[in-house]
Every structure is written in C-alpha cells, then in structure tokens.
C-alpha cells in the first residue's frame, strides 16, 4: 500500500477514538478510481493485525441482484466469521468460502470457545427459515452492535458500495419487488458509538443523496482529495 498518508492517519485515529466513544459514523466520498476501497481494506488489515481493542468488520455490497434473505445471510455470516477470526487470530476465517451454512458457523463458534455467538446465530437462522424479513434485517443489521454491547467490546463496521443497499436487494425471490429503503434501517444503528460505521460508494452523488434523505445528520462526510504529487510518483514507481 502506497500513499494516502493523510487519510490513513485520519482514519486510524478515528478507529482508535472508537474506544473512547468519540467517533461518529463517517462516509468516504470521492470520484471513482480514487482508492476508497483500497483505503478501507487497508484499514481493516491494520486494525485486524494490531489487535488493539477494536474488532473490524468489512463487507462489500455487490452490484448484483439478491433476495433479501440471501443478502442478510451472507452479510451476517461474513460478520460472524470475521469476528471469530479476530477473536481466535485465525486468518482462515476472514474470507469464508461458505456463507450459506448456519450449522457450520454454530459448530465453529462452539469449537473456538465462542458459545455466546450461538444465540444470535440461531435467531437469524430461525428468522430466515420462517422468512420473517423485517425481523431478519433488524437482527442482522444490529448484530455488530449487539455483540459489542453484550461483550463490552468495540466494533468498526466498514461497508463498501453502501448505495447498492437500496437498489440491488429484493423482497421476493423472483427479484421483482425492490426493497428501496434498506439503508434507512441504519437511522438508529448509525448513531452507535461502540459500533460506528465507515461507509463508501463509487457513485458520490448517489451515496450523498441516500445519506441525506434516509440518514440525515447520521454521517460525517470525508472527501478524498487528489493524491499529492509526491505520493502519486511513489505509487507509480512502486
């Protein structure tokens, strides 16, 4: 990773300040191809390996149509596996091959001595099985905050391509009825001081519109400036 020293220092301090409950949920805003995703991934890696009191969770909302049930399951189990990876220091859990098996996640949680995760895993599995979509999204969306509260921990939620929450997720399995207010569910969640969000998106105007209309005053905006000439030269050289 090369460059973006100012931004990295800013966000590393922002993450560290979570432990003092001083960090507000923040949106990274910049034109396409300016390195937003690279910054978030780097922040995840540093936070994970430093193991300094803040659990990192990273998820990319894909530009792909999905049934809300499948999305919730993938989102939730990605969080669970990354959390297990952090607590056990076993990196093989960071990028799970399978996010479609609750029983496997339950088994791993028990094997790794994290039995306190079994209740929330069972709750999500039950809501999905009975297709209680609204309850399912509420449990899944609040899962990082819920775990943080119960374990007296701090979690940073990094969600890339946040704007796709309202355009790629469908209420029905036939993918005809769009859930166009999924992001709005973060109205209360984004205010958390123990599990704040760091979000970004490739479409600045679109993301800003979603945040201002559905999540007013919940996010602080951080605009990426063009990379300084010396950093750009170093990047090209490397």
Protein backbone atom coordinates (compact mmCIF):
# COMPACT_ATOMS: atom_id res chain seq x y z
CA UNK A 1 0.00 0.00 0.00
CA UNK A 2 1.44 3.37 -1.05
CA UNK A 3 0.34 6.95 -0.41
CA UNK A 4 -2.78 8.40 1.19
CA UNK A 5 -0.78 9.16 4.34
CA UNK A 6 -3.08 11.98 5.48
CA UNK A 7 -6.22 9.91 5.04
CA UNK A 8 -4.72 6.80 6.69
CA UNK A 9 -3.59 8.79 9.72
CA UNK A 10 -7.03 10.40 9.98
CA UNK A 11 -8.94 7.13 9.88
CA UNK A 12 -6.54 5.19 12.08
CA UNK A 13 -7.06 7.87 14.73
CA UNK A 14 -10.82 7.72 14.07
CA UNK A 15 -10.77 3.96 14.70
CA UNK A 16 -8.64 4.34 17.81
CA UNK A 17 -11.05 7.01 19.13
CA UNK A 18 -13.88 4.47 18.99
CA UNK A 19 -12.52 3.07 22.26
CA UNK A 20 -13.28 6.44 23.84
CA UNK A 21 -16.69 6.64 22.13
CA UNK A 22 -15.66 9.78 20.24
CA UNK A 23 -16.05 8.60 16.64
CA UNK A 24 -19.14 9.42 14.58
CA UNK A 25 -20.23 7.24 11.66
CA UNK A 26 -18.46 8.54 8.56
CA UNK A 27 -18.83 8.33 4.77
CA UNK A 28 -15.80 8.40 2.46
CA UNK A 29 -16.71 10.42 -0.64
CA UNK A 30 -14.65 10.58 -3.82
CA UNK A 31 -14.85 10.02 -7.55
CA UNK A 32 -14.39 6.52 -8.96
CA UNK A 33 -10.90 5.02 -9.04
CA UNK A 34 -9.51 7.25 -6.29
CA UNK A 35 -8.75 4.38 -3.92
CA UNK A 36 -11.69 4.33 -1.49
CA UNK A 37 -11.89 0.54 -1.40
CA UNK A 38 -8.11 0.20 -1.07
CA UNK A 39 -8.16 2.54 1.93
CA UNK A 40 -10.96 0.62 3.65
CA UNK A 41 -9.29 -2.74 3.02
CA UNK A 42 -6.00 -1.40 4.35
CA UNK A 43 -7.74 -0.06 7.44
CA UNK A 44 -9.31 -3.47 8.00
CA UNK A 45 -5.95 -5.22 7.73
CA UNK A 46 -4.17 -2.83 10.07
CA UNK A 47 -6.99 -2.90 12.65
CA UNK A 48 -7.13 -6.70 12.49
CA UNK A 49 -3.40 -7.28 12.93
CA UNK A 50 -2.84 -4.59 15.55
CA UNK A 51 -5.48 -6.26 17.75
CA UNK A 52 -5.73 -3.04 19.75
CA UNK A 53 -9.23 -3.24 21.17
CA UNK A 54 -11.42 -2.60 18.09
CA UNK A 55 -12.86 -5.52 16.09
CA UNK A 56 -13.01 -4.76 12.33
CA UNK A 57 -15.83 -5.91 10.06
CA UNK A 58 -15.68 -5.34 6.31
CA UNK A 59 -18.45 -6.03 3.79
CA UNK A 60 -18.91 -5.04 0.17
CA UNK A 61 -22.48 -4.72 -1.08
CA UNK A 62 -22.17 -6.20 -4.54
CA UNK A 63 -23.69 -4.73 -7.67
CA UNK A 64 -25.77 -7.87 -8.04
CA UNK A 65 -29.47 -8.52 -7.59
CA UNK A 66 -30.14 -10.59 -4.48
CA UNK A 67 -33.12 -11.79 -2.49
CA UNK A 68 -33.08 -10.03 0.87
CA UNK A 69 -32.89 -13.35 2.72
CA UNK A 70 -29.75 -14.41 0.86
CA UNK A 71 -28.24 -10.98 1.37
CA UNK A 72 -28.93 -10.98 5.12
CA UNK A 73 -27.43 -14.44 5.49
CA UNK A 74 -24.28 -13.51 3.56
CA UNK A 75 -23.89 -10.21 5.45
CA UNK A 76 -24.43 -11.82 8.86
CA UNK A 77 -22.22 -14.87 8.41
CA UNK A 78 -19.45 -12.71 6.92
CA UNK A 79 -19.56 -10.69 10.13
CA UNK A 80 -19.62 -13.80 12.33
CA UNK A 81 -16.64 -15.39 10.58
CA UNK A 82 -14.59 -12.19 10.62
CA UNK A 83 -15.41 -11.77 14.31
CA UNK A 84 -14.31 -15.36 15.01
CA UNK A 85 -11.13 -14.73 13.01
CA UNK A 86 -10.31 -11.68 15.11
CA UNK A 87 -11.02 -13.37 18.44
CA UNK A 88 -9.08 -16.54 17.58
CA UNK A 89 -6.39 -14.83 15.46
CA UNK A 90 -7.05 -17.45 12.76
CA UNK A 91 -6.98 -15.67 9.42
CA UNK A 92 -8.55 -18.58 7.54
CA UNK A 93 -11.92 -17.36 8.83
CA UNK A 94 -11.54 -13.84 7.39
CA UNK A 95 -12.73 -14.79 3.91
CA UNK A 96 -15.08 -17.75 4.41
CA UNK A 97 -15.71 -19.96 1.41
CA UNK A 98 -19.26 -20.70 2.51
CA UNK A 99 -21.70 -18.18 3.99
CA UNK A 100 -24.78 -20.34 3.47
CA UNK A 101 -24.50 -22.83 6.35
CA UNK A 102 -25.63 -21.74 9.80
CA UNK A 103 -24.90 -25.14 11.30
CA UNK A 104 -21.27 -24.94 10.26
CA UNK A 105 -20.98 -21.46 11.78
CA UNK A 106 -22.54 -22.73 15.01
CA UNK A 107 -20.10 -25.64 15.15
CA UNK A 108 -17.08 -23.39 14.58
CA UNK A 109 -18.26 -20.89 17.20
CA UNK A 110 -18.56 -23.69 19.75
CA UNK A 111 -15.23 -25.26 18.78
CA UNK A 112 -13.47 -21.92 19.18
CA UNK A 113 -14.96 -21.30 22.62
CA UNK A 114 -17.30 -18.52 21.47
CA UNK A 115 -20.55 -20.10 22.61
CA UNK A 116 -22.07 -16.67 23.24
CA UNK A 117 -22.48 -16.31 19.47
CA UNK A 118 -24.79 -19.31 19.19
CA UNK A 119 -27.89 -17.45 20.37
CA UNK A 120 -27.73 -14.75 17.72
CA UNK A 121 -26.82 -17.29 15.02
CA UNK A 122 -29.87 -19.39 15.95
CA UNK A 123 -32.03 -16.25 15.94
CA UNK A 124 -31.00 -15.27 12.42
CA UNK A 125 -31.39 -18.84 11.16
CA UNK A 126 -34.93 -19.02 12.63
CA UNK A 127 -35.97 -15.68 11.13
CA UNK A 128 -34.63 -16.71 7.71
CA UNK A 129 -36.26 -20.15 7.80
CA UNK A 130 -39.65 -18.55 8.53
CA UNK A 131 -38.94 -15.69 6.10
CA UNK A 132 -39.62 -13.01 8.71
CA UNK A 133 -37.79 -10.50 6.57
CA UNK A 134 -38.24 -7.33 8.60
CA UNK A 135 -37.17 -9.03 11.83
CA UNK A 136 -34.31 -10.73 9.99
CA UNK A 137 -32.88 -7.45 8.69
CA UNK A 138 -33.22 -5.82 12.10
CA UNK A 139 -31.28 -8.62 13.81
CA UNK A 140 -28.64 -8.77 11.09
CA UNK A 141 -28.18 -5.01 10.81
CA UNK A 142 -27.75 -4.66 14.56
CA UNK A 143 -25.63 -7.80 15.02
CA UNK A 144 -22.26 -5.99 15.32
CA UNK A 145 -23.69 -3.52 17.83
CA UNK A 146 -25.47 -6.30 19.73
CA UNK A 147 -22.30 -8.37 20.08
CA UNK A 148 -20.30 -5.28 21.05
CA UNK A 149 -22.79 -4.39 23.81
CA UNK A 150 -23.01 -7.91 25.20
CA UNK A 151 -19.24 -8.47 25.21
CA UNK A 152 -18.36 -4.90 26.22
CA UNK A 153 -16.29 -4.53 23.06
CA UNK A 154 -15.86 -2.06 20.22
CA UNK A 155 -16.51 -2.91 16.57
CA UNK A 156 -15.95 -0.81 13.46
CA UNK A 157 -18.33 -1.60 10.57
CA UNK A 158 -16.83 -0.91 7.15
CA UNK A 159 -19.44 -1.17 4.38
CA UNK A 160 -18.31 -0.55 0.81
CA UNK A 161 -20.73 0.33 -2.03
CA UNK A 162 -23.31 1.32 0.57
CA UNK A 163 -25.64 2.86 -2.04
CA UNK A 164 -26.42 -0.56 -3.51
CA UNK A 165 -28.40 -1.49 -0.38
CA UNK A 166 -31.41 0.30 -1.85
CA UNK A 167 -31.05 -0.81 -5.47
CA UNK A 168 -29.83 -4.42 -5.52
CA UNK A 169 -31.83 -6.13 -2.75
CA UNK A 170 -35.31 -7.57 -3.44
CA UNK A 171 -38.11 -8.61 -1.10
CA UNK A 172 -39.24 -11.53 -3.27
CA UNK A 173 -37.20 -14.47 -4.55
CA UNK A 174 -38.28 -13.67 -8.12
CA UNK A 175 -36.36 -10.38 -7.79
CA UNK A 176 -39.23 -8.16 -8.87
CA UNK A 177 -40.09 -6.18 -5.71
CA UNK A 178 -37.22 -3.91 -4.73
CA UNK A 179 -36.52 -3.16 -1.06
CA UNK A 180 -35.76 0.51 -1.66
CA UNK A 181 -35.40 1.57 1.97
CA UNK A 182 -32.95 -0.98 3.36
CA UNK A 183 -30.31 1.66 4.09
CA UNK A 184 -32.87 3.64 6.06
CA UNK A 185 -32.75 0.97 8.73
CA UNK A 186 -29.39 2.39 9.81
CA UNK A 187 -31.10 5.55 11.10
CA UNK A 188 -30.65 4.43 14.68
CA UNK A 189 -27.81 1.95 14.18
CA UNK A 190 -25.50 4.58 12.71
CA UNK A 191 -25.65 6.56 15.94
CA UNK A 192 -23.85 3.83 17.86
CA UNK A 193 -20.60 4.93 19.49
CA UNK A 194 -19.40 1.40 20.17
CA UNK A 195 -20.02 0.07 16.65
CA UNK A 196 -19.93 3.09 14.28
CA UNK A 197 -19.95 2.75 10.51
CA UNK A 198 -17.41 3.71 7.88
CA UNK A 199 -19.17 3.59 4.51
CA UNK A 200 -18.18 4.40 0.96
CA UNK A 201 -19.51 4.16 -2.57
CA UNK A 202 -18.41 4.53 -6.18
CA UNK A 203 -21.18 7.00 -7.02
CA UNK A 204 -20.69 10.12 -4.89
CA UNK A 205 -23.89 12.00 -5.76
CA UNK A 206 -25.99 8.87 -5.38
CA UNK A 207 -24.45 7.99 -2.00
CA UNK A 208 -24.80 11.56 -0.70
CA UNK A 209 -28.48 11.60 -1.75
CA UNK A 210 -29.16 8.34 0.10
CA UNK A 211 -27.40 9.54 3.24
CA UNK A 212 -29.07 12.95 3.30
CA UNK A 213 -32.59 11.69 2.56
CA UNK A 214 -32.68 8.49 4.64
CA UNK A 215 -29.94 9.08 7.22
CA UNK A 216 -29.87 12.84 7.87
CA UNK A 217 -27.17 14.03 10.29
CA UNK A 218 -26.09 10.45 10.96
CA UNK A 219 -22.85 10.53 8.95
CA UNK A 220 -19.91 12.87 8.80
CA UNK A 221 -18.62 13.27 5.24
CA UNK A 222 -14.92 12.85 4.49
CA UNK A 223 -13.96 13.87 0.95
CA UNK A 224 -10.86 12.36 -0.64
CA UNK A 225 -8.64 14.93 -2.31
CA UNK A 226 -6.43 14.08 -5.29
CA UNK A 227 -3.31 12.25 -4.20
CA UNK A 228 -0.32 14.61 -3.57
CA UNK A 229 2.23 14.64 -6.39
CA UNK A 230 4.98 13.01 -4.34
CA UNK A 231 2.68 10.17 -3.27
CA UNK A 232 1.40 9.69 -6.81
CA UNK A 233 5.01 9.45 -8.06
CA UNK A 234 5.85 6.92 -5.36
CA UNK A 235 2.76 4.87 -6.26
CA UNK A 236 3.69 4.81 -9.94
CA UNK A 237 7.28 3.91 -9.10
CA UNK A 238 6.22 1.02 -6.88
